[in-house]
Amino acid sequence: MKEAIEDHRASNKQAPRSIYGKIVAEADRIIAPEVTLRRTVQYGLSHYPEMDKEQQYARFRKHLNDKYAEGGYLKLWIPQSDNAERLAELRKLIMDEEELQRVFDELYTNEKNGDV
C-alpha cells in the first residue's frame, strides 16, 4: 500500500508499480468535465488575480492542454475505467475551441459574480 500511495500522482511519468497503485491512482482522479473546468477557472482566479479575462482564458486553456489533452501528462492506468470515458468527453470539449470558450465565459462570469 505504501508504494501505491507513492505512485498515485497524476504527474508521475511511469506507471504505478502494482495493480494497487493503479487502483489508487484511478480512485484519486476526479475527471468530471464540469468539475475540472470550474476548478481550473477557480485556481486561475485565486492564484493569478492580476490577470484579465483573456489572460485567464489563455492560462485555463494551456493547463487543460498540458494535463488532459492527448499527450498531456495525466495518465490513466485502467483503460476501461469510468475516468477513461470522462477523459474522452473532456478531450472532445478541449478540441472544440468555440464551446470551450463558451463554457469558460460562463464559469468565469459565475465565479467573478459569486454565482457558484
PDB file of N, CA and C in Angstrom:
ATOM      1  N   MET A   1       0.822  -1.188   0.000  1.00  0.00           N
ATOM      2  CA  MET A   1       0.000   0.000   0.000  1.00  0.00           C
ATOM      3  C   MET A   1       0.872   1.261   0.000  1.00  0.00           C
ATOM      4  N   LYS A   2       2.012   1.209   0.692  1.00  0.00           N
ATOM      5  CA  LYS A   2       2.909   2.364   0.719  1.00  0.00           C
ATOM      6  C   LYS A   2       3.318   2.750  -0.702  1.00  0.00           C
ATOM      7  N   GLU A   3       3.709   1.773  -1.506  1.00  0.00           N
ATOM      8  CA  GLU A   3       4.084   2.040  -2.895  1.00  0.00           C
ATOM      9  C   GLU A   3       2.905   2.585  -3.683  1.00  0.00           C
ATOM     10  N   ALA A   4       1.721   2.056  -3.434  1.00  0.00           N
ATOM     11  CA  ALA A   4       0.524   2.505  -4.143  1.00  0.00           C
ATOM     12  C   ALA A   4       0.277   3.986  -3.891  1.00  0.00           C
ATOM     13  N   ILE A   5       0.436   4.402  -2.651  1.00  0.00           N
ATOM     14  CA  ILE A   5       0.236   5.810  -2.308  1.00  0.00           C
ATOM     15  C   ILE A   5       1.311   6.674  -2.972  1.00  0.00           C
ATOM     16  N   GLU A   6       2.548   6.207  -2.951  1.00  0.00           N
ATOM     17  CA  GLU A   6       3.642   6.965  -3.565  1.00  0.00           C
ATOM     18  C   GLU A   6       3.454   7.114  -5.076  1.00  0.00           C
ATOM     19  N   ASP A   7       2.840   6.119  -5.708  1.00  0.00           N
ATOM     20  CA  ASP A   7       2.744   6.061  -7.167  1.00  0.00           C
ATOM     21  C   ASP A   7       1.513   6.756  -7.753  1.00  0.00           C
ATOM     22  N   HIS A   8       0.656   7.319  -6.946  1.00  0.00           N
ATOM     23  CA  HIS A   8      -0.642   7.756  -7.458  1.00  0.00           C
ATOM     24  C   HIS A   8      -0.673   9.118  -8.141  1.00  0.00           C
ATOM     25  N   ARG A   9       0.356   9.935  -8.064  1.00  0.00           N
ATOM     26  CA  ARG A   9       0.327  11.295  -8.603  1.00  0.00           C
ATOM     27  C   ARG A   9       0.085  11.330 -10.110  1.00  0.00           C
ATOM     28  N   ALA A  10      -0.753  12.260 -10.540  1.00  0.00           N
ATOM     29  CA  ALA A  10      -1.054  12.413 -11.969  1.00  0.00           C
ATOM     30  C   ALA A  10       0.183  12.787 -12.773  1.00  0.00           C
ATOM     31  N   SER A  11       1.135  13.452 -12.139  1.00  0.00           N
ATOM     32  CA  SER A  11       2.324  13.902 -12.848  1.00  0.00           C
ATOM     33  C   SER A  11       3.422  12.842 -12.933  1.00  0.00           C
ATOM     34  N   ASN A  12       3.232  11.673 -12.312  1.00  0.00           N
ATOM     35  CA  ASN A  12       4.232  10.612 -12.430  1.00  0.00           C
ATOM     36  C   ASN A  12       4.389  10.214 -13.887  1.00  0.00           C
ATOM     37  N   LYS A  13       5.617  10.048 -14.304  1.00  0.00           N
ATOM     38  CA  LYS A  13       5.878   9.695 -15.691  1.00  0.00           C
ATOM     39  C   LYS A  13       5.865   8.182 -15.923  1.00  0.00           C
ATOM     40  N   GLN A  14       5.959   7.414 -14.859  1.00  0.00           N
ATOM     41  CA  GLN A  14       5.955   5.958 -15.016  1.00  0.00           C
ATOM     42  C   GLN A  14       4.708   5.364 -14.372  1.00  0.00           C
ATOM     43  N   ALA A  15       4.360   4.196 -14.846  1.00  0.00           N
ATOM     44  CA  ALA A  15       3.178   3.505 -14.326  1.00  0.00           C
ATOM     45  C   ALA A  15       3.386   3.118 -12.865  1.00  0.00           C
ATOM     46  N   PRO A  16       2.301   3.076 -12.099  1.00  0.00           N
ATOM     47  CA  PRO A  16       2.410   2.569 -10.734  1.00  0.00           C
ATOM     48  C   PRO A  16       3.021   1.169 -10.733  1.00  0.00           C
ATOM     49  N   ARG A  17       3.704   0.823  -9.649  1.00  0.00           N
ATOM     50  CA  ARG A  17       4.441  -0.440  -9.565  1.00  0.00           C
ATOM     51  C   ARG A  17       3.555  -1.659  -9.372  1.00  0.00           C
ATOM     52  N   SER A  18       2.300  -1.465  -9.033  1.00  0.00           N
ATOM     53  CA  SER A  18       1.427  -2.621  -8.797  1.00  0.00           C
ATOM     54  C   SER A  18      -0.007  -2.275  -9.191  1.00  0.00           C
ATOM     55  N   ILE A  19      -0.830  -3.297  -9.243  1.00  0.00           N
ATOM     56  CA  ILE A  19      -2.250  -3.079  -9.515  1.00  0.00           C
ATOM     57  C   ILE A  19      -2.854  -2.203  -8.429  1.00  0.00           C
ATOM     58  N   TYR A  20      -2.358  -2.303  -7.211  1.00  0.00           N
ATOM     59  CA  TYR A  20      -2.865  -1.471  -6.123  1.00  0.00           C
ATOM     60  C   TYR A  20      -2.588   0.005  -6.410  1.00  0.00           C
ATOM     61  N   GLY A  21      -1.412   0.282  -6.927  1.00  0.00           N
ATOM     62  CA  GLY A  21      -1.071   1.657  -7.301  1.00  0.00           C
ATOM     63  C   GLY A  21      -1.975   2.173  -8.403  1.00  0.00           C
ATOM     64  N   LYS A  22      -2.301   1.322  -9.356  1.00  0.00           N
ATOM     65  CA  LYS A  22      -3.203   1.723 -10.442  1.00  0.00           C
ATOM     66  C   LYS A  22      -4.600   2.017  -9.891  1.00  0.00           C
ATOM     67  N   ILE A  23      -5.046   1.202  -8.965  1.00  0.00           N
ATOM     68  CA  ILE A  23      -6.369   1.408  -8.367  1.00  0.00           C
ATOM     69  C   ILE A  23      -6.404   2.714  -7.582  1.00  0.00           C
ATOM     70  N   VAL A  24      -5.363   2.967  -6.786  1.00  0.00           N
ATOM     71  CA  VAL A  24      -5.303   4.211  -6.002  1.00  0.00           C
ATOM     72  C   VAL A  24      -5.239   5.418  -6.947  1.00  0.00           C
ATOM     73  N   ALA A  25      -4.443   5.312  -8.000  1.00  0.00           N
ATOM     74  CA  ALA A  25      -4.330   6.419  -8.954  1.00  0.00           C
ATOM     75  C   ALA A  25      -5.679   6.721  -9.596  1.00  0.00           C
ATOM     76  N   GLU A  26      -6.396   5.696 -10.003  1.00  0.00           N
ATOM     77  CA  GLU A  26      -7.713   5.892 -10.616  1.00  0.00           C
ATOM     78  C   GLU A  26      -8.701   6.490  -9.622  1.00  0.00           C
ATOM     79  N   ALA A  27      -8.675   5.991  -8.398  1.00  0.00           N
ATOM     80  CA  ALA A  27      -9.612   6.476  -7.382  1.00  0.00           C
ATOM     81  C   ALA A  27      -9.334   7.934  -7.028  1.00  0.00           C
ATOM     82  N   ASP A  28      -8.092   8.367  -7.176  1.00  0.00           N
ATOM     83  CA  ASP A  28      -7.714   9.727  -6.814  1.00  0.00           C
ATOM     84  C   ASP A  28      -8.058  10.742  -7.900  1.00  0.00           C
ATOM     85  N   ARG A  29      -8.395  10.287  -9.083  1.00  0.00           N
ATOM     86  CA  ARG A  29      -8.708  11.191 -10.185  1.00  0.00           C
ATOM     87  C   ARG A  29     -10.177  11.620 -10.090  1.00  0.00           C
ATOM     88  N   ILE A  30     -10.398  12.903 -10.249  1.00  0.00           N
ATOM     89  CA  ILE A  30     -11.763  13.384 -10.411  1.00  0.00           C
ATOM     90  C   ILE A  30     -11.807  13.987 -11.804  1.00  0.00           C
ATOM     91  N   ILE A  31     -12.280  13.187 -12.727  1.00  0.00           N
ATOM     92  CA  ILE A  31     -12.381  13.662 -14.096  1.00  0.00           C
ATOM     93  C   ILE A  31     -13.870  13.732 -14.421  1.00  0.00           C
ATOM     94  N   ALA A  32     -14.423  14.860 -14.090  1.00  0.00           N
ATOM     95  CA  ALA A  32     -15.800  15.201 -14.449  1.00  0.00           C
ATOM     96  C   ALA A  32     -15.661  16.547 -15.134  1.00  0.00           C
ATOM     97  N   PRO A  33     -15.919  16.617 -16.434  1.00  0.00           N
ATOM     98  CA  PRO A  33     -15.631  17.855 -17.155  1.00  0.00           C
ATOM     99  C   PRO A  33     -16.094  19.128 -16.452  1.00  0.00           C
ATOM    100  N   GLU A  34     -17.316  19.179 -15.954  1.00  0.00           N
ATOM    101  CA  GLU A  34     -17.777  20.427 -15.333  1.00  0.00           C
ATOM    102  C   GLU A  34     -16.989  20.761 -14.067  1.00  0.00           C
ATOM    103  N   VAL A  35     -16.625  19.744 -13.282  1.00  0.00           N
ATOM    104  CA  VAL A  35     -15.842  19.970 -12.067  1.00  0.00           C
ATOM    105  C   VAL A  35     -14.421  20.405 -12.438  1.00  0.00           C
ATOM    106  N   THR A  36     -13.826  19.710 -13.374  1.00  0.00           N
ATOM    107  CA  THR A  36     -12.463  20.015 -13.807  1.00  0.00           C
ATOM    108  C   THR A  36     -12.364  21.436 -14.347  1.00  0.00           C
ATOM    109  N   LEU A  37     -13.308  21.811 -15.185  1.00  0.00           N
ATOM    110  CA  LEU A  37     -13.273  23.146 -15.780  1.00  0.00           C
ATOM    111  C   LEU A  37     -13.509  24.230 -14.732  1.00  0.00           C
ATOM    112  N   ARG A  38     -14.459  24.021 -13.831  1.00  0.00           N
ATOM    113  CA  ARG A  38     -14.731  25.005 -12.785  1.00  0.00           C
ATOM    114  C   ARG A  38     -13.503  25.172 -11.877  1.00  0.00           C
ATOM    115  N   ARG A  39     -12.903  24.065 -11.485  1.00  0.00           N
ATOM    116  CA  ARG A  39     -11.722  24.147 -10.614  1.00  0.00           C
ATOM    117  C   ARG A  39     -10.567  24.850 -11.304  1.00  0.00           C
ATOM    118  N   THR A  40     -10.448  24.662 -12.607  1.00  0.00           N
ATOM    119  CA  THR A  40      -9.376  25.317 -13.351  1.00  0.00           C
ATOM    120  C   THR A  40      -9.584  26.825 -13.381  1.00  0.00           C
ATOM    121  N   VAL A  41     -10.816  27.260 -13.567  1.00  0.00           N
ATOM    122  CA  VAL A  41     -11.125  28.694 -13.517  1.00  0.00           C
ATOM    123  C   VAL A  41     -10.878  29.225 -12.107  1.00  0.00           C
ATOM    124  N   GLN A  42     -11.360  28.517 -11.105  1.00  0.00           N
ATOM    125  CA  GLN A  42     -11.181  28.953  -9.715  1.00  0.00           C
ATOM    126  C   GLN A  42      -9.703  29.089  -9.358  1.00  0.00           C
ATOM    127  N   TYR A  43      -8.902  28.127  -9.769  1.00  0.00           N
ATOM    128  CA  TYR A  43      -7.472  28.173  -9.484  1.00  0.00           C
ATOM    129  C   TYR A  43      -6.847  29.426 -10.103  1.00  0.00           C
ATOM    130  N   GLY A  44      -7.178  29.678 -11.348  1.00  0.00           N
ATOM    131  CA  GLY A  44      -6.621  30.850 -12.020  1.00  0.00           C
ATOM    132  C   GLY A  44      -6.992  32.146 -11.318  1.00  0.00           C
ATOM    133  N   LEU A  45      -8.254  32.263 -10.933  1.00  0.00           N
ATOM    134  CA  LEU A  45      -8.700  33.488 -10.261  1.00  0.00           C
ATOM    135  C   LEU A  45      -8.044  33.666  -8.898  1.00  0.00           C
ATOM    136  N   SER A  46      -7.853  32.578  -8.169  1.00  0.00           N
ATOM    137  CA  SER A  46      -7.267  32.714  -6.832  1.00  0.00           C
ATOM    138  C   SER A  46      -5.748  32.874  -6.855  1.00  0.00           C
ATOM    139  N   HIS A  47      -5.082  32.263  -7.814  1.00  0.00           N
ATOM    140  CA  HIS A  47      -3.614  32.323  -7.845  1.00  0.00           C
ATOM    141  C   HIS A  47      -3.058  33.422  -8.755  1.00  0.00           C
ATOM    142  N   TYR A  48      -3.868  33.909  -9.675  1.00  0.00           N
ATOM    143  CA  TYR A  48      -3.417  34.938 -10.618  1.00  0.00           C
ATOM    144  C   TYR A  48      -4.466  36.052 -10.730  1.00  0.00           C
ATOM    145  N   PRO A  49      -4.804  36.700  -9.620  1.00  0.00           N
ATOM    146  CA  PRO A  49      -5.866  37.708  -9.651  1.00  0.00           C
ATOM    147  C   PRO A  49      -5.544  38.916 -10.534  1.00  0.00           C
ATOM    148  N   GLU A  50      -4.270  39.103 -10.828  1.00  0.00           N
ATOM    149  CA  GLU A  50      -3.867  40.238 -11.653  1.00  0.00           C
ATOM    150  C   GLU A  50      -4.178  40.025 -13.134  1.00  0.00           C
ATOM    151  N   MET A  51      -4.458  38.807 -13.529  1.00  0.00           N
ATOM    152  CA  MET A  51      -4.740  38.515 -14.938  1.00  0.00           C
ATOM    153  C   MET A  51      -6.138  38.976 -15.324  1.00  0.00           C
ATOM    154  N   ASP A  52      -6.237  39.525 -16.542  1.00  0.00           N
ATOM    155  CA  ASP A  52      -7.561  39.877 -17.046  1.00  0.00           C
ATOM    156  C   ASP A  52      -8.218  38.626 -17.639  1.00  0.00           C
ATOM    157  N   LYS A  53      -9.416  38.771 -18.135  1.00  0.00           N
ATOM    158  CA  LYS A  53     -10.188  37.621 -18.618  1.00  0.00           C
ATOM    159  C   LYS A  53      -9.464  36.889 -19.753  1.00  0.00           C
ATOM    160  N   GLU A  54      -8.902  37.614 -20.688  1.00  0.00           N
ATOM    161  CA  GLU A  54      -8.194  36.979 -21.807  1.00  0.00           C
ATOM    162  C   GLU A  54      -6.988  36.176 -21.312  1.00  0.00           C
ATOM    163  N   GLN A  55      -6.262  36.738 -20.378  1.00  0.00           N
ATOM    164  CA  GLN A  55      -5.103  36.037 -19.824  1.00  0.00           C
ATOM    165  C   GLN A  55      -5.549  34.803 -19.035  1.00  0.00           C
ATOM    166  N   GLN A  56      -6.648  34.939 -18.312  1.00  0.00           N
ATOM    167  CA  GLN A  56      -7.183  33.794 -17.571  1.00  0.00           C
ATOM    168  C   GLN A  56      -7.570  32.679 -18.538  1.00  0.00           C
ATOM    169  N   TYR A  57      -8.179  33.038 -19.654  1.00  0.00           N
ATOM    170  CA  TYR A  57      -8.575  32.017 -20.635  1.00  0.00           C
ATOM    171  C   TYR A  57      -7.342  31.326 -21.218  1.00  0.00           C
ATOM    172  N   ALA A  58      -6.322  32.096 -21.528  1.00  0.00           N
ATOM    173  CA  ALA A  58      -5.092  31.506 -22.079  1.00  0.00           C
ATOM    174  C   ALA A  58      -4.474  30.536 -21.072  1.00  0.00           C
ATOM    175  N   ARG A  59      -4.454  30.898 -19.786  1.00  0.00           N
ATOM    176  CA  ARG A  59      -3.911  30.030 -18.753  1.00  0.00           C
ATOM    177  C   ARG A  59      -4.777  28.781 -18.590  1.00  0.00           C
ATOM    178  N   PHE A  60      -6.084  28.964 -18.586  1.00  0.00           N
ATOM    179  CA  PHE A  60      -7.064  27.881 -18.498  1.00  0.00           C
ATOM    180  C   PHE A  60      -6.841  26.868 -19.627  1.00  0.00           C
ATOM    181  N   ARG A  61      -6.766  27.374 -20.822  1.00  0.00           N
ATOM    182  CA  ARG A  61      -6.605  26.513 -22.000  1.00  0.00           C
ATOM    183  C   ARG A  61      -5.259  25.780 -21.986  1.00  0.00           C
ATOM    184  N   LYS A  62      -4.210  26.490 -21.613  1.00  0.00           N
ATOM    185  CA  LYS A  62      -2.884  25.861 -21.553  1.00  0.00           C
ATOM    186  C   LYS A  62      -2.864  24.738 -20.528  1.00  0.00           C
ATOM    187  N   HIS A  63      -3.417  24.980 -19.351  1.00  0.00           N
ATOM    188  CA  HIS A  63      -3.452  23.946 -18.323  1.00  0.00           C
ATOM    189  C   HIS A  63      -4.222  22.722 -18.814  1.00  0.00           C
ATOM    190  N   LEU A  64      -5.383  22.937 -19.405  1.00  0.00           N
ATOM    191  CA  LEU A  64      -6.180  21.809 -19.896  1.00  0.00           C
ATOM    192  C   LEU A  64      -5.419  21.013 -20.947  1.00  0.00           C
ATOM    193  N   ASN A  65      -4.749  21.707 -21.844  1.00  0.00           N
ATOM    194  CA  ASN A  65      -3.964  21.013 -22.870  1.00  0.00           C
ATOM    195  C   ASN A  65      -2.771  20.283 -22.281  1.00  0.00           C
ATOM    196  N   ASP A  66      -2.069  20.933 -21.367  1.00  0.00           N
ATOM    197  CA  ASP A  66      -0.882  20.314 -20.771  1.00  0.00           C
ATOM    198  C   ASP A  66      -1.226  19.053 -19.978  1.00  0.00           C
ATOM    199  N   LYS A  67      -2.353  19.071 -19.287  1.00  0.00           N
ATOM    200  CA  LYS A  67      -2.693  17.947 -18.412  1.00  0.00           C
ATOM    201  C   LYS A  67      -3.635  16.940 -19.046  1.00  0.00           C
ATOM    202  N   TYR A  68      -4.701  17.398 -19.686  1.00  0.00           N
ATOM    203  CA  TYR A  68      -5.785  16.497 -20.075  1.00  0.00           C
ATOM    204  C   TYR A  68      -5.852  16.152 -21.559  1.00  0.00           C
ATOM    205  N   ALA A  69      -5.309  16.968 -22.437  1.00  0.00           N
ATOM    206  CA  ALA A  69      -5.405  16.699 -23.876  1.00  0.00           C
ATOM    207  C   ALA A  69      -4.575  15.470 -24.241  1.00  0.00           C
ATOM    208  N   GLU A  70      -4.792  14.961 -25.453  1.00  0.00           N
ATOM    209  CA  GLU A  70      -3.957  13.857 -25.941  1.00  0.00           C
ATOM    210  C   GLU A  70      -2.497  14.263 -25.785  1.00  0.00           C
ATOM    211  N   GLY A  71      -1.691  13.402 -25.196  1.00  0.00           N
ATOM    212  CA  GLY A  71      -0.287  13.698 -24.969  1.00  0.00           C
ATOM    213  C   GLY A  71      -0.027  14.476 -23.695  1.00  0.00           C
ATOM    214  N   GLY A  72      -1.087  14.834 -22.972  1.00  0.00           N
ATOM    215  CA  GLY A  72      -0.922  15.540 -21.708  1.00  0.00           C
ATOM    216  C   GLY A  72      -0.321  14.636 -20.653  1.00  0.00           C
ATOM    217  N   TYR A  73       0.075  15.232 -19.547  1.00  0.00           N
ATOM    218  CA  TYR A  73       0.787  14.441 -18.539  1.00  0.00           C
ATOM    219  C   TYR A  73      -0.110  13.540 -17.694  1.00  0.00           C
ATOM    220  N   LEU A  74      -1.414  13.763 -17.686  1.00  0.00           N
ATOM    221  CA  LEU A  74      -2.289  12.875 -16.931  1.00  0.00           C
ATOM    222  C   LEU A  74      -2.358  11.523 -17.631  1.00  0.00           C
ATOM    223  N   LYS A  75      -2.088  10.476 -16.889  1.00  0.00           N
ATOM    224  CA  LYS A  75      -2.156   9.122 -17.437  1.00  0.00           C
ATOM    225  C   LYS A  75      -3.184   8.323 -16.645  1.00  0.00           C
ATOM    226  N   LEU A  76      -3.965   7.562 -17.366  1.00  0.00           N
ATOM    227  CA  LEU A  76      -4.886   6.631 -16.726  1.00  0.00           C
ATOM    228  C   LEU A  76      -4.306   5.243 -16.898  1.00  0.00           C
ATOM    229  N   TRP A  77      -4.384   4.461 -15.856  1.00  0.00           N
ATOM    230  CA  TRP A  77      -3.747   3.149 -15.853  1.00  0.00           C
ATOM    231  C   TRP A  77      -4.747   2.011 -15.987  1.00  0.00           C
ATOM    232  N   ILE A  78      -6.039   2.326 -15.943  1.00  0.00           N
ATOM    233  CA  ILE A  78      -7.075   1.305 -16.115  1.00  0.00           C
ATOM    234  C   ILE A  78      -7.959   1.787 -17.270  1.00  0.00           C
ATOM    235  N   PRO A  79      -7.679   1.309 -18.489  1.00  0.00           N
ATOM    236  CA  PRO A  79      -8.333   1.847 -19.684  1.00  0.00           C
ATOM    237  C   PRO A  79      -9.860   1.727 -19.699  1.00  0.00           C
ATOM    238  N   GLN A  80     -10.409   0.765 -19.019  1.00  0.00           N
ATOM    239  CA  GLN A  80     -11.857   0.573 -19.036  1.00  0.00           C
ATOM    240  C   GLN A  80     -12.566   1.288 -17.880  1.00  0.00           C
ATOM    241  N   SER A  81     -11.860   2.142 -17.166  1.00  0.00           N
ATOM    242  CA  SER A  81     -12.438   2.833 -16.011  1.00  0.00           C
ATOM    243  C   SER A  81     -13.431   3.912 -16.445  1.00  0.00           C
ATOM    244  N   ASP A  82     -14.252   4.335 -15.498  1.00  0.00           N
ATOM    245  CA  ASP A  82     -15.157   5.458 -15.749  1.00  0.00           C
ATOM    246  C   ASP A  82     -14.364   6.712 -16.087  1.00  0.00           C
ATOM    247  N   ASN A  83     -13.189   6.847 -15.493  1.00  0.00           N
ATOM    248  CA  ASN A  83     -12.352   8.012 -15.776  1.00  0.00           C
ATOM    249  C   ASN A  83     -11.981   8.092 -17.251  1.00  0.00           C
ATOM    250  N   ALA A  84     -11.753   6.957 -17.881  1.00  0.00           N
ATOM    251  CA  ALA A  84     -11.376   6.952 -19.298  1.00  0.00           C
ATOM    252  C   ALA A  84     -12.500   7.541 -20.145  1.00  0.00           C
ATOM    253  N   GLU A  85     -13.713   7.198 -19.826  1.00  0.00           N
ATOM    254  CA  GLU A  85     -14.866   7.728 -20.562  1.00  0.00           C
ATOM    255  C   GLU A  85     -15.003   9.239 -20.342  1.00  0.00           C
ATOM    256  N   ARG A  86     -14.843   9.669 -19.103  1.00  0.00           N
ATOM    257  CA  ARG A  86     -14.966  11.104 -18.801  1.00  0.00           C
ATOM    258  C   ARG A  86     -13.794  11.896 -19.383  1.00  0.00           C
ATOM    259  N   LEU A  87     -12.609  11.292 -19.411  1.00  0.00           N
ATOM    260  CA  LEU A  87     -11.467  11.965 -20.021  1.00  0.00           C
ATOM    261  C   LEU A  87     -11.700  12.148 -21.520  1.00  0.00           C
ATOM    262  N   ALA A  88     -12.267  11.158 -22.171  1.00  0.00           N
ATOM    263  CA  ALA A  88     -12.578  11.279 -23.597  1.00  0.00           C
ATOM    264  C   ALA A  88     -13.566  12.423 -23.836  1.00  0.00           C
ATOM    265  N   GLU A  89     -14.549  12.553 -22.961  1.00  0.00           N
ATOM    266  CA  GLU A  89     -15.524  13.644 -23.055  1.00  0.00           C
ATOM    267  C   GLU A  89     -14.831  14.999 -22.868  1.00  0.00           C
ATOM    268  N   LEU A  90     -13.948  15.079 -21.885  1.00  0.00           N
ATOM    269  CA  LEU A  90     -13.219  16.323 -21.643  1.00  0.00           C
ATOM    270  C   LEU A  90     -12.312  16.654 -22.828  1.00  0.00           C
ATOM    271  N   ARG A  91     -11.644  15.669 -23.381  1.00  0.00           N
ATOM    272  CA  ARG A  91     -10.765  15.898 -24.537  1.00  0.00           C
ATOM    273  C   ARG A  91     -11.550  16.402 -25.738  1.00  0.00           C
ATOM    274  N   LYS A  92     -12.736  15.884 -25.917  1.00  0.00           N
ATOM    275  CA  LYS A  92     -13.587  16.344 -27.019  1.00  0.00           C
ATOM    276  C   LYS A  92     -13.916  17.823 -26.834  1.00  0.00           C
ATOM    277  N   LEU A  93     -14.230  18.218 -25.618  1.00  0.00           N
ATOM    278  CA  LEU A  93     -14.529  19.612 -25.330  1.00  0.00           C
ATOM    279  C   LEU A  93     -13.298  20.497 -25.534  1.00  0.00           C
ATOM    280  N   ILE A  94     -12.141  20.034 -25.107  1.00  0.00           N
ATOM    281  CA  ILE A  94     -10.899  20.805 -25.269  1.00  0.00           C
ATOM    282  C   ILE A  94     -10.627  21.074 -26.750  1.00  0.00           C
ATOM    283  N   MET A  95     -10.981  20.136 -27.597  1.00  0.00           N
ATOM    284  CA  MET A  95     -10.749  20.286 -29.042  1.00  0.00           C
ATOM    285  C   MET A  95     -11.749  21.236 -29.710  1.00  0.00           C
ATOM    286  N   ASP A  96     -12.873  21.477 -29.067  1.00  0.00           N
ATOM    287  CA  ASP A  96     -13.912  22.356 -29.616  1.00  0.00           C
ATOM    288  C   ASP A  96     -13.708  23.761 -29.060  1.00  0.00           C
ATOM    289  N   GLU A  97     -12.890  24.537 -29.746  1.00  0.00           N
ATOM    290  CA  GLU A  97     -12.486  25.866 -29.267  1.00  0.00           C
ATOM    291  C   GLU A  97     -13.683  26.763 -28.962  1.00  0.00           C
ATOM    292  N   GLU A  98     -14.663  26.762 -29.819  1.00  0.00           N
ATOM    293  CA  GLU A  98     -15.829  27.632 -29.619  1.00  0.00           C
ATOM    294  C   GLU A  98     -16.602  27.245 -28.354  1.00  0.00           C
ATOM    295  N   GLU A  99     -16.836  25.963 -28.165  1.00  0.00           N
ATOM    296  CA  GLU A  99     -17.569  25.502 -26.985  1.00  0.00           C
ATOM    297  C   GLU A  99     -16.740  25.694 -25.718  1.00  0.00           C
ATOM    298  N   LEU A 100     -15.441  25.455 -25.807  1.00  0.00           N
ATOM    299  CA  LEU A 100     -14.569  25.652 -24.650  1.00  0.00           C
ATOM    300  C   LEU A 100     -14.594  27.123 -24.212  1.00  0.00           C
ATOM    301  N   GLN A 101     -14.536  28.021 -25.163  1.00  0.00           N
ATOM    302  CA  GLN A 101     -14.605  29.458 -24.852  1.00  0.00           C
ATOM    303  C   GLN A 101     -15.952  29.791 -24.210  1.00  0.00           C
ATOM    304  N   ARG A 102     -17.038  29.237 -24.725  1.00  0.00           N
ATOM    305  CA  ARG A 102     -18.366  29.498 -24.175  1.00  0.00           C
ATOM    306  C   ARG A 102     -18.460  29.020 -22.726  1.00  0.00           C
ATOM    307  N   VAL A 103     -17.971  27.812 -22.477  1.00  0.00           N
ATOM    308  CA  VAL A 103     -18.003  27.260 -21.118  1.00  0.00           C
ATOM    309  C   VAL A 103     -17.144  28.108 -20.189  1.00  0.00           C
ATOM    310  N   PHE A 104     -15.951  28.478 -20.645  1.00  0.00           N
ATOM    311  CA  PHE A 104     -15.082  29.331 -19.833  1.00  0.00           C
ATOM    312  C   PHE A 104     -15.778  30.641 -19.497  1.00  0.00           C
ATOM    313  N   ASP A 105     -16.361  31.299 -20.498  1.00  0.00           N
ATOM    314  CA  ASP A 105     -17.027  32.581 -20.264  1.00  0.00           C
ATOM    315  C   ASP A 105     -18.095  32.458 -19.194  1.00  0.00           C
ATOM    316  N   GLU A 106     -18.883  31.407 -19.273  1.00  0.00           N
ATOM    317  CA  GLU A 106     -19.952  31.193 -18.291  1.00  0.00           C
ATOM    318  C   GLU A 106     -19.375  30.958 -16.890  1.00  0.00           C
ATOM    319  N   LEU A 107     -18.380  30.070 -16.798  1.00  0.00           N
ATOM    320  CA  LEU A 107     -17.768  29.782 -15.499  1.00  0.00           C
ATOM    321  C   LEU A 107     -17.075  31.014 -14.924  1.00  0.00           C
ATOM    322  N   TYR A 108     -16.364  31.726 -15.762  1.00  0.00           N
ATOM    323  CA  TYR A 108     -15.637  32.919 -15.329  1.00  0.00           C
ATOM    324  C   TYR A 108     -16.618  33.955 -14.775  1.00  0.00           C
ATOM    325  N   THR A 109     -17.683  34.208 -15.506  1.00  0.00           N
ATOM    326  CA  THR A 109     -18.685  35.177 -15.051  1.00  0.00           C
ATOM    327  C   THR A 109     -19.314  34.743 -13.739  1.00  0.00           C
ATOM    328  N   ASN A 110     -19.677  33.474 -13.639  1.00  0.00           N
ATOM    329  CA  ASN A 110     -20.286  32.953 -12.399  1.00  0.00           C
ATOM    330  C   ASN A 110     -19.321  33.092 -11.222  1.00  0.00           C
ATOM    331  N   GLU A 111     -18.064  32.753 -11.434  1.00  0.00           N
ATOM    332  CA  GLU A 111     -17.083  32.837 -10.350  1.00  0.00           C
ATOM    333  C   GLU A 111     -16.821  34.290  -9.946  1.00  0.00           C
ATOM    334  N   LYS A 112     -16.731  35.175 -10.903  1.00  0.00           N
ATOM    335  CA  LYS A 112     -16.490  36.592 -10.599  1.00  0.00           C
ATOM    336  C   LYS A 112     -17.680  37.214  -9.861  1.00  0.00           C
ATOM    337  N   ASN A 113     -18.890  36.745 -10.188  1.00  0.00           N
ATOM    338  CA  ASN A 113     -20.096  37.281  -9.555  1.00  0.00           C
ATOM    339  C   ASN A 113     -20.501  36.535  -8.306  1.00  0.00           C
ATOM    340  N   GLY A 114     -19.773  35.460  -7.987  1.00  0.00           N
ATOM    341  CA  GLY A 114     -20.123  34.669  -6.810  1.00  0.00           C
ATOM    342  C   GLY A 114     -21.347  33.803  -7.010  1.00  0.00           C
ATOM    343  N   ASP A 115     -21.718  33.532  -8.260  1.00  0.00           N
ATOM    344  CA  ASP A 115     -22.879  32.684  -8.586  1.00  0.00           C
ATOM    345  C   ASP A 115     -22.458  31.235  -8.739  1.00  0.00           C
ATOM    346  N   VAL A 116     -21.983  30.653  -7.708  1.00  0.00           N
ATOM    347  CA  VAL A 116     -21.448  29.303  -7.812  1.00  0.00           C
ATOM    348  C   VAL A 116     -22.499  28.264  -7.574  1.00  0.00           C
TER     349      VAL A 116
END
